[in-house]
Amino acid sequence: MTLLPGTYAQLEPFAAEWALPTTAERAAARSTSSAEQRQAFYDAVSPHAAVILDELDTRPLDALTDQEKRLLDLVMAFGHVALAVEIQGPDEARHRVWRDRMIITRATADMPA
């Protein structure tokens, strides 16, 4: 069984770790990942992120298949990781301490469609 739509099979190795259903889980994955893991994920998703969002944006959220929902979760995690890679870079570890103290209890992105 594949977790993502077939056209994104090359991203499948990242799905179990990064395609998480809530903002809190995505933030935790960012916090617990190594710089190398974040960079590998960023490098894999970066060339596809805009296309993925364009494709998913053509349909209502409640019409997405389970595989498409996981693809959306994956690209949402990419947003977390892009900040770490592009902006914070080596300072990510220092910022992690504060992010771990800010407990996410709910987020707009987690609300039902």
N, C-alpha and C. Protein backbone atom coordinates (compact mmCIF):
# COMPACT_ATOMS: atom_id res chain seq x y z
N MET A 1 0.84 -1.18 0.00
CA MET A 1 0.00 0.00 0.00
C MET A 1 0.89 1.25 0.00
N THR A 2 0.59 2.17 -0.87
CA THR A 2 1.34 3.42 -0.92
C THR A 2 0.59 4.49 -0.14
N LEU A 3 1.35 5.37 0.46
CA LEU A 3 0.76 6.44 1.27
C LEU A 3 0.40 7.67 0.46
N LEU A 4 1.08 7.86 -0.68
CA LEU A 4 0.89 9.05 -1.51
C LEU A 4 0.40 8.67 -2.90
N PRO A 5 -0.18 9.62 -3.61
CA PRO A 5 -0.58 9.34 -5.00
C PRO A 5 0.64 8.88 -5.82
N GLY A 6 0.41 8.00 -6.76
CA GLY A 6 1.48 7.40 -7.56
C GLY A 6 2.40 8.39 -8.25
N THR A 7 1.88 9.55 -8.63
CA THR A 7 2.72 10.53 -9.32
C THR A 7 3.79 11.12 -8.39
N TYR A 8 3.66 10.86 -7.12
CA TYR A 8 4.64 11.36 -6.15
C TYR A 8 5.34 10.21 -5.42
N ALA A 9 5.52 9.12 -6.11
CA ALA A 9 6.17 7.93 -5.53
C ALA A 9 7.56 8.25 -5.00
N GLN A 10 8.27 9.19 -5.63
CA GLN A 10 9.63 9.52 -5.19
C GLN A 10 9.63 10.15 -3.79
N LEU A 11 8.49 10.63 -3.32
CA LEU A 11 8.39 11.22 -1.99
C LEU A 11 7.93 10.22 -0.93
N GLU A 12 7.58 9.04 -1.36
CA GLU A 12 7.07 8.00 -0.47
C GLU A 12 7.99 7.73 0.73
N PRO A 13 9.32 7.71 0.55
CA PRO A 13 10.19 7.45 1.71
C PRO A 13 10.05 8.48 2.84
N PHE A 14 9.49 9.64 2.55
CA PHE A 14 9.33 10.68 3.55
C PHE A 14 7.94 10.70 4.18
N ALA A 15 7.01 9.99 3.61
CA ALA A 15 5.61 10.08 4.02
C ALA A 15 5.37 9.66 5.47
N ALA A 16 5.90 8.53 5.87
CA ALA A 16 5.63 8.05 7.23
C ALA A 16 6.16 9.01 8.29
N GLU A 17 7.28 9.63 8.02
CA GLU A 17 7.91 10.51 9.01
C GLU A 17 7.35 11.93 8.99
N TRP A 18 6.95 12.41 7.81
CA TRP A 18 6.61 13.82 7.68
C TRP A 18 5.14 14.11 7.36
N ALA A 19 4.41 13.19 6.79
CA ALA A 19 3.00 13.44 6.41
C ALA A 19 2.11 13.24 7.63
N LEU A 20 2.20 14.17 8.55
CA LEU A 20 1.51 14.06 9.83
C LEU A 20 0.26 14.94 9.83
N PRO A 21 -0.80 14.47 10.47
CA PRO A 21 -2.11 15.12 10.32
C PRO A 21 -2.35 16.41 11.11
N THR A 22 -1.49 16.73 12.07
CA THR A 22 -1.75 17.96 12.84
C THR A 22 -0.53 18.87 12.86
N THR A 23 -0.80 20.12 13.11
CA THR A 23 0.26 21.12 13.21
C THR A 23 1.23 20.76 14.32
N ALA A 24 0.71 20.32 15.45
CA ALA A 24 1.57 19.96 16.58
C ALA A 24 2.50 18.80 16.22
N GLU A 25 1.98 17.81 15.52
CA GLU A 25 2.82 16.68 15.13
C GLU A 25 3.89 17.10 14.12
N ARG A 26 3.53 17.99 13.20
CA ARG A 26 4.51 18.47 12.23
C ARG A 26 5.60 19.29 12.92
N ALA A 27 5.21 20.12 13.88
CA ALA A 27 6.19 20.91 14.62
C ALA A 27 7.11 19.99 15.43
N ALA A 28 6.55 18.94 16.01
CA ALA A 28 7.36 18.00 16.78
C ALA A 28 8.34 17.26 15.88
N ALA A 29 7.89 16.89 14.68
CA ALA A 29 8.79 16.21 13.74
C ALA A 29 9.96 17.12 13.37
N ARG A 30 9.66 18.38 13.16
CA ARG A 30 10.73 19.35 12.87
C ARG A 30 11.70 19.42 14.05
N SER A 31 11.17 19.48 15.26
CA SER A 31 12.02 19.61 16.44
C SER A 31 12.89 18.40 16.70
N THR A 32 12.38 17.23 16.41
CA THR A 32 13.12 16.01 16.73
C THR A 32 13.99 15.50 15.59
N SER A 33 13.87 16.12 14.43
CA SER A 33 14.68 15.68 13.28
C SER A 33 16.06 16.32 13.34
N SER A 34 16.99 15.67 12.68
CA SER A 34 18.34 16.23 12.59
C SER A 34 18.41 17.20 11.42
N ALA A 35 19.44 18.00 11.39
CA ALA A 35 19.65 18.93 10.27
C ALA A 35 19.73 18.16 8.95
N GLU A 36 20.35 17.00 8.98
CA GLU A 36 20.48 16.18 7.77
C GLU A 36 19.12 15.66 7.30
N GLN A 37 18.28 15.25 8.24
CA GLN A 37 16.94 14.77 7.89
C GLN A 37 16.10 15.90 7.30
N ARG A 38 16.16 17.06 7.92
CA ARG A 38 15.41 18.21 7.40
C ARG A 38 15.89 18.59 6.00
N GLN A 39 17.19 18.61 5.80
CA GLN A 39 17.74 18.98 4.50
C GLN A 39 17.33 17.97 3.43
N ALA A 40 17.38 16.68 3.74
CA ALA A 40 16.99 15.64 2.77
C ALA A 40 15.52 15.79 2.39
N PHE A 41 14.67 16.03 3.38
CA PHE A 41 13.24 16.23 3.14
C PHE A 41 13.03 17.48 2.30
N TYR A 42 13.66 18.56 2.67
CA TYR A 42 13.55 19.82 1.94
C TYR A 42 13.98 19.64 0.48
N ASP A 43 15.12 19.01 0.27
CA ASP A 43 15.63 18.80 -1.09
C ASP A 43 14.69 17.94 -1.93
N ALA A 44 14.05 16.97 -1.30
CA ALA A 44 13.14 16.08 -2.04
C ALA A 44 11.83 16.78 -2.41
N VAL A 45 11.27 17.56 -1.50
CA VAL A 45 9.95 18.15 -1.71
C VAL A 45 10.02 19.49 -2.45
N SER A 46 11.07 20.23 -2.25
CA SER A 46 11.17 21.58 -2.81
C SER A 46 10.82 21.69 -4.30
N PRO A 47 11.33 20.80 -5.16
CA PRO A 47 11.00 20.94 -6.58
C PRO A 47 9.53 20.66 -6.90
N HIS A 48 8.80 20.04 -5.98
CA HIS A 48 7.42 19.62 -6.23
C HIS A 48 6.37 20.42 -5.47
N ALA A 49 6.77 21.21 -4.49
CA ALA A 49 5.82 21.86 -3.58
C ALA A 49 4.79 22.71 -4.30
N ALA A 50 5.22 23.55 -5.21
CA ALA A 50 4.27 24.44 -5.91
C ALA A 50 3.29 23.64 -6.75
N VAL A 51 3.77 22.62 -7.43
CA VAL A 51 2.90 21.78 -8.27
C VAL A 51 1.89 21.04 -7.41
N ILE A 52 2.35 20.51 -6.29
CA ILE A 52 1.46 19.79 -5.37
C ILE A 52 0.34 20.73 -4.90
N LEU A 53 0.70 21.92 -4.46
CA LEU A 53 -0.31 22.86 -3.99
C LEU A 53 -1.27 23.26 -5.10
N ASP A 54 -0.75 23.47 -6.30
CA ASP A 54 -1.62 23.82 -7.44
C ASP A 54 -2.60 22.69 -7.73
N GLU A 55 -2.12 21.44 -7.70
CA GLU A 55 -3.00 20.30 -7.97
C GLU A 55 -4.07 20.15 -6.89
N LEU A 56 -3.66 20.21 -5.64
CA LEU A 56 -4.61 20.01 -4.55
C LEU A 56 -5.60 21.16 -4.44
N ASP A 57 -5.19 22.34 -4.88
CA ASP A 57 -6.04 23.53 -4.80
C ASP A 57 -7.21 23.48 -5.78
N THR A 58 -7.19 22.54 -6.69
CA THR A 58 -8.28 22.45 -7.67
C THR A 58 -9.50 21.74 -7.12
N ARG A 59 -9.38 21.16 -5.91
CA ARG A 59 -10.48 20.38 -5.34
C ARG A 59 -10.77 20.81 -3.91
N PRO A 60 -12.02 20.68 -3.49
CA PRO A 60 -12.34 20.97 -2.08
C PRO A 60 -11.61 20.00 -1.16
N LEU A 61 -11.25 20.46 0.02
CA LEU A 61 -10.53 19.60 0.97
C LEU A 61 -11.30 18.32 1.28
N ASP A 62 -12.61 18.43 1.42
CA ASP A 62 -13.40 17.24 1.78
C ASP A 62 -13.55 16.25 0.62
N ALA A 63 -13.03 16.60 -0.55
CA ALA A 63 -13.08 15.69 -1.70
C ALA A 63 -11.75 14.99 -1.94
N LEU A 64 -10.73 15.31 -1.14
CA LEU A 64 -9.42 14.68 -1.32
C LEU A 64 -9.45 13.22 -0.87
N THR A 65 -8.73 12.39 -1.59
CA THR A 65 -8.57 10.99 -1.18
C THR A 65 -7.63 10.94 0.03
N ASP A 66 -7.55 9.79 0.68
CA ASP A 66 -6.63 9.65 1.81
C ASP A 66 -5.19 9.91 1.37
N GLN A 67 -4.82 9.42 0.20
CA GLN A 67 -3.46 9.64 -0.31
C GLN A 67 -3.22 11.13 -0.56
N GLU A 68 -4.20 11.82 -1.10
CA GLU A 68 -4.06 13.25 -1.35
C GLU A 68 -4.00 14.05 -0.03
N LYS A 69 -4.74 13.61 0.97
CA LYS A 69 -4.68 14.27 2.27
C LYS A 69 -3.28 14.13 2.87
N ARG A 70 -2.69 12.94 2.73
CA ARG A 70 -1.33 12.74 3.23
C ARG A 70 -0.34 13.59 2.45
N LEU A 71 -0.58 13.74 1.14
CA LEU A 71 0.27 14.60 0.33
C LEU A 71 0.18 16.05 0.81
N LEU A 72 -1.03 16.49 1.14
CA LEU A 72 -1.21 17.83 1.69
C LEU A 72 -0.49 17.95 3.04
N ASP A 73 -0.61 16.94 3.89
CA ASP A 73 0.10 16.96 5.17
C ASP A 73 1.61 17.03 4.94
N LEU A 74 2.09 16.33 3.94
CA LEU A 74 3.52 16.33 3.63
C LEU A 74 3.98 17.72 3.22
N VAL A 75 3.23 18.38 2.35
CA VAL A 75 3.62 19.71 1.90
C VAL A 75 3.44 20.74 3.01
N MET A 76 2.52 20.51 3.94
CA MET A 76 2.39 21.40 5.10
C MET A 76 3.62 21.24 6.01
N ALA A 77 4.10 20.01 6.16
CA ALA A 77 5.34 19.79 6.93
C ALA A 77 6.51 20.46 6.24
N PHE A 78 6.48 20.48 4.91
CA PHE A 78 7.53 21.17 4.15
C PHE A 78 7.61 22.64 4.55
N GLY A 79 6.47 23.26 4.81
CA GLY A 79 6.47 24.66 5.26
C GLY A 79 7.23 24.83 6.56
N HIS A 80 7.05 23.89 7.50
CA HIS A 80 7.78 23.94 8.77
C HIS A 80 9.28 23.80 8.52
N VAL A 81 9.61 22.84 7.68
CA VAL A 81 11.02 22.52 7.44
C VAL A 81 11.69 23.61 6.61
N ALA A 82 10.96 24.20 5.68
CA ALA A 82 11.54 25.27 4.85
C ALA A 82 12.00 26.43 5.73
N LEU A 83 11.23 26.76 6.74
CA LEU A 83 11.64 27.83 7.66
C LEU A 83 12.95 27.47 8.34
N ALA A 84 13.05 26.22 8.79
CA ALA A 84 14.26 25.77 9.47
C ALA A 84 15.47 25.78 8.53
N VAL A 85 15.28 25.34 7.31
CA VAL A 85 16.39 25.23 6.36
C VAL A 85 16.76 26.59 5.77
N GLU A 86 15.76 27.32 5.29
CA GLU A 86 16.02 28.56 4.56
C GLU A 86 16.34 29.75 5.46
N ILE A 87 15.70 29.83 6.60
CA ILE A 87 15.83 31.02 7.44
C ILE A 87 16.72 30.77 8.67
N GLN A 88 16.41 29.74 9.42
CA GLN A 88 17.12 29.56 10.68
C GLN A 88 18.45 28.82 10.54
N GLY A 89 18.55 27.94 9.58
CA GLY A 89 19.81 27.25 9.31
C GLY A 89 20.45 26.70 10.57
N PRO A 90 21.70 27.06 10.84
CA PRO A 90 22.39 26.52 12.01
C PRO A 90 21.80 26.98 13.35
N ASP A 91 20.98 28.03 13.32
CA ASP A 91 20.35 28.51 14.55
C ASP A 91 19.10 27.71 14.92
N GLU A 92 18.71 26.76 14.09
CA GLU A 92 17.51 25.96 14.34
C GLU A 92 17.56 25.29 15.72
N ALA A 93 18.70 24.73 16.09
CA ALA A 93 18.81 24.04 17.39
C ALA A 93 18.54 25.00 18.54
N ARG A 94 19.00 26.22 18.42
CA ARG A 94 18.78 27.22 19.47
C ARG A 94 17.30 27.59 19.57
N HIS A 95 16.64 27.70 18.42
CA HIS A 95 15.22 28.07 18.40
C HIS A 95 14.33 26.91 18.85
N ARG A 96 14.81 25.70 18.67
CA ARG A 96 14.03 24.52 19.05
C ARG A 96 13.65 24.57 20.53
N VAL A 97 14.54 25.00 21.37
CA VAL A 97 14.28 25.05 22.81
C VAL A 97 13.02 25.86 23.10
N TRP A 98 12.87 27.00 22.44
CA TRP A 98 11.71 27.84 22.67
C TRP A 98 10.46 27.26 22.03
N ARG A 99 10.61 26.68 20.84
CA ARG A 99 9.46 26.08 20.16
C ARG A 99 8.92 24.90 20.98
N ASP A 100 9.79 24.14 21.60
CA ASP A 100 9.35 23.01 22.41
C ASP A 100 8.58 23.45 23.65
N ARG A 101 8.78 24.69 24.08
CA ARG A 101 8.06 25.22 25.24
C ARG A 101 6.71 25.81 24.86
N MET A 102 6.53 26.08 23.58
CA MET A 102 5.25 26.63 23.11
C MET A 102 4.39 25.44 22.64
N ILE A 103 3.49 25.03 23.45
CA ILE A 103 2.66 23.87 23.15
C ILE A 103 1.50 24.27 22.24
N ILE A 104 1.42 23.64 21.10
CA ILE A 104 0.33 23.90 20.16
C ILE A 104 -0.87 23.05 20.58
N THR A 105 -1.97 23.71 20.91
CA THR A 105 -3.16 22.97 21.32
C THR A 105 -4.20 22.90 20.22
N ARG A 106 -4.19 23.88 19.31
CA ARG A 106 -5.06 23.84 18.16
C ARG A 106 -4.52 24.81 17.12
N ALA A 107 -4.86 24.54 15.88
CA ALA A 107 -4.40 25.39 14.78
C ALA A 107 -5.48 25.42 13.70
N THR A 108 -5.57 26.52 13.02
CA THR A 108 -6.55 26.66 11.95
C THR A 108 -6.41 25.54 10.93
N ALA A 109 -5.18 25.17 10.63
CA ALA A 109 -4.93 24.13 9.63
C ALA A 109 -5.49 22.77 10.04
N ASP A 110 -5.74 22.58 11.32
CA ASP A 110 -6.25 21.30 11.82
C ASP A 110 -7.77 21.23 11.88
N MET A 111 -8.44 22.32 11.57
CA MET A 111 -9.91 22.34 11.65
C MET A 111 -10.50 21.60 10.45
N PRO A 112 -11.63 20.93 10.66
CA PRO A 112 -12.27 20.20 9.55
C PRO A 112 -12.63 21.14 8.42
N ALA A 113 -12.64 20.58 7.23
CA ALA A 113 -12.98 21.38 6.03
C ALA A 113 -14.43 21.79 6.05
